[in-house]
């Protein structure tokens, strides 16, 4: 099963963004992106909504519950 950390990194790379660039877009610290991508932390529900809207994907996709 794909996890959030994998989906986030995959989406970021597909958009050609560095962690720093994505952090600026989401208005979080680069270290926060790094922590998410290695699975040390998870975003809040509010932040998950921002991420889903930014990448134009569903919560289920971000969380690895669906591939669509």
PDB file of N, CA and C in Angstrom:
ATOM      1  N   UNK A   1       0.846  -1.183   0.000  1.00  0.00           N
ATOM      2  CA  UNK A   1       0.000   0.000   0.000  1.00  0.00           C
ATOM      3  C   UNK A   1       0.891   1.246   0.000  1.00  0.00           C
ATOM      4  N   UNK A   2       0.534   2.176  -0.843  1.00  0.00           N
ATOM      5  CA  UNK A   2       1.284   3.430  -0.929  1.00  0.00           C
ATOM      6  C   UNK A   2       0.883   4.327   0.242  1.00  0.00           C
ATOM      7  N   UNK A   3       1.864   4.948   0.833  1.00  0.00           N
ATOM      8  CA  UNK A   3       1.640   5.822   1.973  1.00  0.00           C
ATOM      9  C   UNK A   3       1.682   7.286   1.559  1.00  0.00           C
ATOM     10  N   UNK A   4       1.163   8.140   2.428  1.00  0.00           N
ATOM     11  CA  UNK A   4       1.157   9.577   2.162  1.00  0.00           C
ATOM     12  C   UNK A   4       2.550  10.079   1.796  1.00  0.00           C
ATOM     13  N   UNK A   5       3.562   9.650   2.549  1.00  0.00           N
ATOM     14  CA  UNK A   5       4.915  10.151   2.310  1.00  0.00           C
ATOM     15  C   UNK A   5       5.371   9.864   0.881  1.00  0.00           C
ATOM     16  N   UNK A   6       5.016   8.694   0.361  1.00  0.00           N
ATOM     17  CA  UNK A   6       5.388   8.330  -1.003  1.00  0.00           C
ATOM     18  C   UNK A   6       4.612   9.139  -2.031  1.00  0.00           C
ATOM     19  N   UNK A   7       3.322   9.315  -1.764  1.00  0.00           N
ATOM     20  CA  UNK A   7       2.494  10.084  -2.691  1.00  0.00           C
ATOM     21  C   UNK A   7       2.952  11.530  -2.770  1.00  0.00           C
ATOM     22  N   UNK A   8       3.252  12.117  -1.638  1.00  0.00           N
ATOM     23  CA  UNK A   8       3.681  13.512  -1.621  1.00  0.00           C
ATOM     24  C   UNK A   8       4.965  13.682  -2.432  1.00  0.00           C
ATOM     25  N   UNK A   9       5.924  12.824  -2.202  1.00  0.00           N
ATOM     26  CA  UNK A   9       7.193  12.926  -2.918  1.00  0.00           C
ATOM     27  C   UNK A   9       6.983  12.715  -4.413  1.00  0.00           C
ATOM     28  N   UNK A  10       6.179  11.742  -4.756  1.00  0.00           N
ATOM     29  CA  UNK A  10       5.867  11.463  -6.157  1.00  0.00           C
ATOM     30  C   UNK A  10       5.231  12.676  -6.840  1.00  0.00           C
ATOM     31  N   UNK A  11       4.251  13.273  -6.193  1.00  0.00           N
ATOM     32  CA  UNK A  11       3.571  14.447  -6.757  1.00  0.00           C
ATOM     33  C   UNK A  11       4.531  15.627  -6.875  1.00  0.00           C
ATOM     34  N   UNK A  12       5.353  15.822  -5.874  1.00  0.00           N
ATOM     35  CA  UNK A  12       6.311  16.928  -5.887  1.00  0.00           C
ATOM     36  C   UNK A  12       7.286  16.776  -7.048  1.00  0.00           C
ATOM     37  N   UNK A  13       7.808  15.578  -7.211  1.00  0.00           N
ATOM     38  CA  UNK A  13       8.782  15.326  -8.277  1.00  0.00           C
ATOM     39  C   UNK A  13       8.123  15.454  -9.652  1.00  0.00           C
ATOM     40  N   UNK A  14       6.893  14.958  -9.793  1.00  0.00           N
ATOM     41  CA  UNK A  14       6.174  15.076 -11.064  1.00  0.00           C
ATOM     42  C   UNK A  14       6.006  16.532 -11.481  1.00  0.00           C
ATOM     43  N   UNK A  15       5.841  17.410 -10.489  1.00  0.00           N
ATOM     44  CA  UNK A  15       5.707  18.839 -10.778  1.00  0.00           C
ATOM     45  C   UNK A  15       7.056  19.524 -10.944  1.00  0.00           C
ATOM     46  N   UNK A  16       8.129  18.781 -10.727  1.00  0.00           N
ATOM     47  CA  UNK A  16       9.463  19.333 -10.882  1.00  0.00           C
ATOM     48  C   UNK A  16       9.847  20.313  -9.785  1.00  0.00           C
ATOM     49  N   UNK A  17       9.324  20.074  -8.585  1.00  0.00           N
ATOM     50  CA  UNK A  17       9.576  20.977  -7.462  1.00  0.00           C
ATOM     51  C   UNK A  17      10.591  20.395  -6.487  1.00  0.00           C
ATOM     52  N   UNK A  18      11.386  21.266  -5.911  1.00  0.00           N
ATOM     53  CA  UNK A  18      12.236  20.862  -4.798  1.00  0.00           C
ATOM     54  C   UNK A  18      11.386  20.930  -3.524  1.00  0.00           C
ATOM     55  N   UNK A  19      11.906  20.385  -2.449  1.00  0.00           N
ATOM     56  CA  UNK A  19      11.200  20.501  -1.171  1.00  0.00           C
ATOM     57  C   UNK A  19      11.038  21.966  -0.784  1.00  0.00           C
ATOM     58  N   UNK A  20      12.057  22.762  -1.033  1.00  0.00           N
ATOM     59  CA  UNK A  20      12.011  24.184  -0.696  1.00  0.00           C
ATOM     60  C   UNK A  20      10.937  24.910  -1.491  1.00  0.00           C
ATOM     61  N   UNK A  21      10.847  24.604  -2.774  1.00  0.00           N
ATOM     62  CA  UNK A  21       9.825  25.242  -3.614  1.00  0.00           C
ATOM     63  C   UNK A  21       8.421  24.857  -3.158  1.00  0.00           C
ATOM     64  N   UNK A  22       8.220  23.576  -2.868  1.00  0.00           N
ATOM     65  CA  UNK A  22       6.907  23.134  -2.401  1.00  0.00           C
ATOM     66  C   UNK A  22       6.579  23.771  -1.058  1.00  0.00           C
ATOM     67  N   UNK A  23       7.559  23.862  -0.194  1.00  0.00           N
ATOM     68  CA  UNK A  23       7.337  24.485   1.112  1.00  0.00           C
ATOM     69  C   UNK A  23       6.850  25.921   0.950  1.00  0.00           C
ATOM     70  N   UNK A  24       7.448  26.663   0.027  1.00  0.00           N
ATOM     71  CA  UNK A  24       7.000  28.039  -0.216  1.00  0.00           C
ATOM     72  C   UNK A  24       5.571  28.064  -0.723  1.00  0.00           C
ATOM     73  N   UNK A  25       5.244  27.153  -1.635  1.00  0.00           N
ATOM     74  CA  UNK A  25       3.886  27.084  -2.186  1.00  0.00           C
ATOM     75  C   UNK A  25       2.853  26.773  -1.102  1.00  0.00           C
ATOM     76  N   UNK A  26       3.212  25.891  -0.181  1.00  0.00           N
ATOM     77  CA  UNK A  26       2.285  25.474   0.874  1.00  0.00           C
ATOM     78  C   UNK A  26       2.397  26.324   2.138  1.00  0.00           C
ATOM     79  N   UNK A  27       3.360  27.240   2.120  1.00  0.00           N
ATOM     80  CA  UNK A  27       3.602  28.134   3.258  1.00  0.00           C
ATOM     81  C   UNK A  27       3.942  27.387   4.540  1.00  0.00           C
ATOM     82  N   UNK A  28       4.859  26.434   4.366  1.00  0.00           N
ATOM     83  CA  UNK A  28       5.400  25.699   5.505  1.00  0.00           C
ATOM     84  C   UNK A  28       6.918  25.718   5.371  1.00  0.00           C
ATOM     85  N   UNK A  29       7.593  25.230   6.371  1.00  0.00           N
ATOM     86  CA  UNK A  29       9.046  25.164   6.374  1.00  0.00           C
ATOM     87  C   UNK A  29       9.506  23.976   5.526  1.00  0.00           C
ATOM     88  N   UNK A  30      10.666  24.089   4.904  1.00  0.00           N
ATOM     89  CA  UNK A  30      11.215  22.984   4.102  1.00  0.00           C
ATOM     90  C   UNK A  30      11.395  21.744   4.965  1.00  0.00           C
ATOM     91  N   UNK A  31      11.768  21.924   6.191  1.00  0.00           N
ATOM     92  CA  UNK A  31      11.955  20.792   7.108  1.00  0.00           C
ATOM     93  C   UNK A  31      10.640  20.036   7.310  1.00  0.00           C
ATOM     94  N   UNK A  32       9.526  20.756   7.268  1.00  0.00           N
ATOM     95  CA  UNK A  32       8.210  20.122   7.391  1.00  0.00           C
ATOM     96  C   UNK A  32       7.973  19.181   6.221  1.00  0.00           C
ATOM     97  N   UNK A  33       8.295  19.637   5.006  1.00  0.00           N
ATOM     98  CA  UNK A  33       8.145  18.785   3.827  1.00  0.00           C
ATOM     99  C   UNK A  33       9.025  17.546   3.974  1.00  0.00           C
ATOM    100  N   UNK A  34      10.245  17.751   4.396  1.00  0.00           N
ATOM    101  CA  UNK A  34      11.171  16.634   4.601  1.00  0.00           C
ATOM    102  C   UNK A  34      10.614  15.637   5.617  1.00  0.00           C
ATOM    103  N   UNK A  35      10.099  16.143   6.726  1.00  0.00           N
ATOM    104  CA  UNK A  35       9.526  15.266   7.758  1.00  0.00           C
ATOM    105  C   UNK A  35       8.344  14.468   7.215  1.00  0.00           C
ATOM    106  N   UNK A  36       7.523  15.095   6.398  1.00  0.00           N
ATOM    107  CA  UNK A  36       6.394  14.384   5.789  1.00  0.00           C
ATOM    108  C   UNK A  36       6.891  13.293   4.850  1.00  0.00           C
ATOM    109  N   UNK A  37       7.901  13.620   4.044  1.00  0.00           N
ATOM    110  CA  UNK A  37       8.376  12.677   3.031  1.00  0.00           C
ATOM    111  C   UNK A  37       9.136  11.487   3.610  1.00  0.00           C
ATOM    112  N   UNK A  38       9.676  11.621   4.783  1.00  0.00           N
ATOM    113  CA  UNK A  38      10.337  10.476   5.416  1.00  0.00           C
ATOM    114  C   UNK A  38       9.416   9.786   6.433  1.00  0.00           C
ATOM    115  N   UNK A  39       8.226  10.310   6.600  1.00  0.00           N
ATOM    116  CA  UNK A  39       7.237   9.686   7.473  1.00  0.00           C
ATOM    117  C   UNK A  39       7.389   9.994   8.942  1.00  0.00           C
ATOM    118  N   UNK A  40       8.170  11.010   9.273  1.00  0.00           N
ATOM    119  CA  UNK A  40       8.346  11.372  10.685  1.00  0.00           C
ATOM    120  C   UNK A  40       7.142  12.119  11.237  1.00  0.00           C
ATOM    121  N   UNK A  41       6.438  12.811  10.367  1.00  0.00           N
ATOM    122  CA  UNK A  41       5.260  13.580  10.778  1.00  0.00           C
ATOM    123  C   UNK A  41       4.195  13.481   9.706  1.00  0.00           C
ATOM    124  N   UNK A  42       2.976  13.849  10.091  1.00  0.00           N
ATOM    125  CA  UNK A  42       1.848  13.884   9.166  1.00  0.00           C
ATOM    126  C   UNK A  42       1.246  15.287   9.195  1.00  0.00           C
ATOM    127  N   UNK A  43       0.706  15.741   8.072  1.00  0.00           N
ATOM    128  CA  UNK A  43       0.074  17.065   8.068  1.00  0.00           C
ATOM    129  C   UNK A  43      -1.252  17.033   8.812  1.00  0.00           C
ATOM    130  N   UNK A  44      -1.685  18.199   9.269  1.00  0.00           N
ATOM    131  CA  UNK A  44      -3.009  18.310   9.878  1.00  0.00           C
ATOM    132  C   UNK A  44      -4.059  18.145   8.778  1.00  0.00           C
ATOM    133  N   UNK A  45      -5.292  17.952   9.162  1.00  0.00           N
ATOM    134  CA  UNK A  45      -6.369  17.836   8.163  1.00  0.00           C
ATOM    135  C   UNK A  45      -6.483  19.101   7.330  1.00  0.00           C
ATOM    136  N   UNK A  46      -6.318  20.255   7.962  1.00  0.00           N
ATOM    137  CA  UNK A  46      -6.376  21.518   7.218  1.00  0.00           C
ATOM    138  C   UNK A  46      -5.263  21.589   6.180  1.00  0.00           C
ATOM    139  N   UNK A  47      -4.076  21.178   6.562  1.00  0.00           N
ATOM    140  CA  UNK A  47      -2.952  21.205   5.641  1.00  0.00           C
ATOM    141  C   UNK A  47      -3.119  20.150   4.554  1.00  0.00           C
ATOM    142  N   UNK A  48      -3.674  19.008   4.901  1.00  0.00           N
ATOM    143  CA  UNK A  48      -3.943  17.972   3.915  1.00  0.00           C
ATOM    144  C   UNK A  48      -4.889  18.506   2.831  1.00  0.00           C
ATOM    145  N   UNK A  49      -5.849  19.304   3.246  1.00  0.00           N
ATOM    146  CA  UNK A  49      -6.772  19.914   2.285  1.00  0.00           C
ATOM    147  C   UNK A  49      -6.017  20.850   1.325  1.00  0.00           C
ATOM    148  N   UNK A  50      -5.106  21.640   1.875  1.00  0.00           N
ATOM    149  CA  UNK A  50      -4.306  22.557   1.055  1.00  0.00           C
ATOM    150  C   UNK A  50      -3.456  21.772   0.058  1.00  0.00           C
ATOM    151  N   UNK A  51      -2.852  20.689   0.515  1.00  0.00           N
ATOM    152  CA  UNK A  51      -2.011  19.857  -0.353  1.00  0.00           C
ATOM    153  C   UNK A  51      -2.856  19.239  -1.468  1.00  0.00           C
ATOM    154  N   UNK A  52      -4.001  18.699  -1.113  1.00  0.00           N
ATOM    155  CA  UNK A  52      -4.882  18.081  -2.108  1.00  0.00           C
ATOM    156  C   UNK A  52      -5.313  19.098  -3.162  1.00  0.00           C
ATOM    157  N   UNK A  53      -5.672  20.291  -2.730  1.00  0.00           N
ATOM    158  CA  UNK A  53      -6.070  21.331  -3.684  1.00  0.00           C
ATOM    159  C   UNK A  53      -4.898  21.757  -4.551  1.00  0.00           C
ATOM    160  N   UNK A  54      -3.729  21.898  -3.972  1.00  0.00           N
ATOM    161  CA  UNK A  54      -2.551  22.332  -4.723  1.00  0.00           C
ATOM    162  C   UNK A  54      -2.234  21.348  -5.857  1.00  0.00           C
ATOM    163  N   UNK A  55      -2.279  20.054  -5.540  1.00  0.00           N
ATOM    164  CA  UNK A  55      -1.962  19.039  -6.536  1.00  0.00           C
ATOM    165  C   UNK A  55      -3.190  18.561  -7.321  1.00  0.00           C
ATOM    166  N   UNK A  56      -4.361  19.080  -6.968  1.00  0.00           N
ATOM    167  CA  UNK A  56      -5.615  18.717  -7.632  1.00  0.00           C
ATOM    168  C   UNK A  56      -5.869  17.202  -7.561  1.00  0.00           C
ATOM    169  N   UNK A  57      -5.752  16.681  -6.354  1.00  0.00           N
ATOM    170  CA  UNK A  57      -6.014  15.268  -6.098  1.00  0.00           C
ATOM    171  C   UNK A  57      -6.925  15.149  -4.878  1.00  0.00           C
ATOM    172  N   UNK A  58      -7.458  13.953  -4.665  1.00  0.00           N
ATOM    173  CA  UNK A  58      -8.341  13.723  -3.518  1.00  0.00           C
ATOM    174  C   UNK A  58      -7.541  13.362  -2.271  1.00  0.00           C
ATOM    175  N   UNK A  59      -8.224  13.451  -1.131  1.00  0.00           N
ATOM    176  CA  UNK A  59      -7.613  13.002   0.127  1.00  0.00           C
ATOM    177  C   UNK A  59      -7.255  11.524   0.009  1.00  0.00           C
ATOM    178  N   UNK A  60      -8.177  10.745  -0.548  1.00  0.00           N
ATOM    179  CA  UNK A  60      -7.955   9.305  -0.671  1.00  0.00           C
ATOM    180  C   UNK A  60      -6.702   9.008  -1.484  1.00  0.00           C
ATOM    181  N   UNK A  61      -6.483   9.766  -2.550  1.00  0.00           N
ATOM    182  CA  UNK A  61      -5.283   9.565  -3.357  1.00  0.00           C
ATOM    183  C   UNK A  61      -4.036   9.892  -2.533  1.00  0.00           C
ATOM    184  N   UNK A  62      -4.069  11.027  -1.849  1.00  0.00           N
ATOM    185  CA  UNK A  62      -2.912  11.413  -1.025  1.00  0.00           C
ATOM    186  C   UNK A  62      -2.597  10.373   0.034  1.00  0.00           C
ATOM    187  N   UNK A  63      -3.626   9.785   0.590  1.00  0.00           N
ATOM    188  CA  UNK A  63      -3.424   8.828   1.680  1.00  0.00           C
ATOM    189  C   UNK A  63      -3.177   7.411   1.188  1.00  0.00           C
ATOM    190  N   UNK A  64      -3.157   7.227  -0.148  1.00  0.00           N
ATOM    191  CA  UNK A  64      -2.877   5.920  -0.712  1.00  0.00           C
ATOM    192  C   UNK A  64      -4.043   4.965  -0.673  1.00  0.00           C
ATOM    193  N   UNK A  65      -5.259   5.492  -0.494  1.00  0.00           N
ATOM    194  CA  UNK A  65      -6.439   4.634  -0.443  1.00  0.00           C
ATOM    195  C   UNK A  65      -7.006   4.333  -1.820  1.00  0.00           C
ATOM    196  N   UNK A  66      -6.619   5.136  -2.811  1.00  0.00           N
ATOM    197  CA  UNK A  66      -7.048   4.928  -4.190  1.00  0.00           C
ATOM    198  C   UNK A  66      -5.934   5.370  -5.121  1.00  0.00           C
ATOM    199  N   UNK A  67      -5.963   4.857  -6.327  1.00  0.00           N
ATOM    200  CA  UNK A  67      -4.963   5.264  -7.319  1.00  0.00           C
ATOM    201  C   UNK A  67      -5.530   6.288  -8.296  1.00  0.00           C
ATOM    202  N   UNK A  68      -6.731   6.753  -8.032  1.00  0.00           N
ATOM    203  CA  UNK A  68      -7.379   7.721  -8.921  1.00  0.00           C
ATOM    204  C   UNK A  68      -7.462   9.085  -8.284  1.00  0.00           C
TER     205      UNK A  68
END
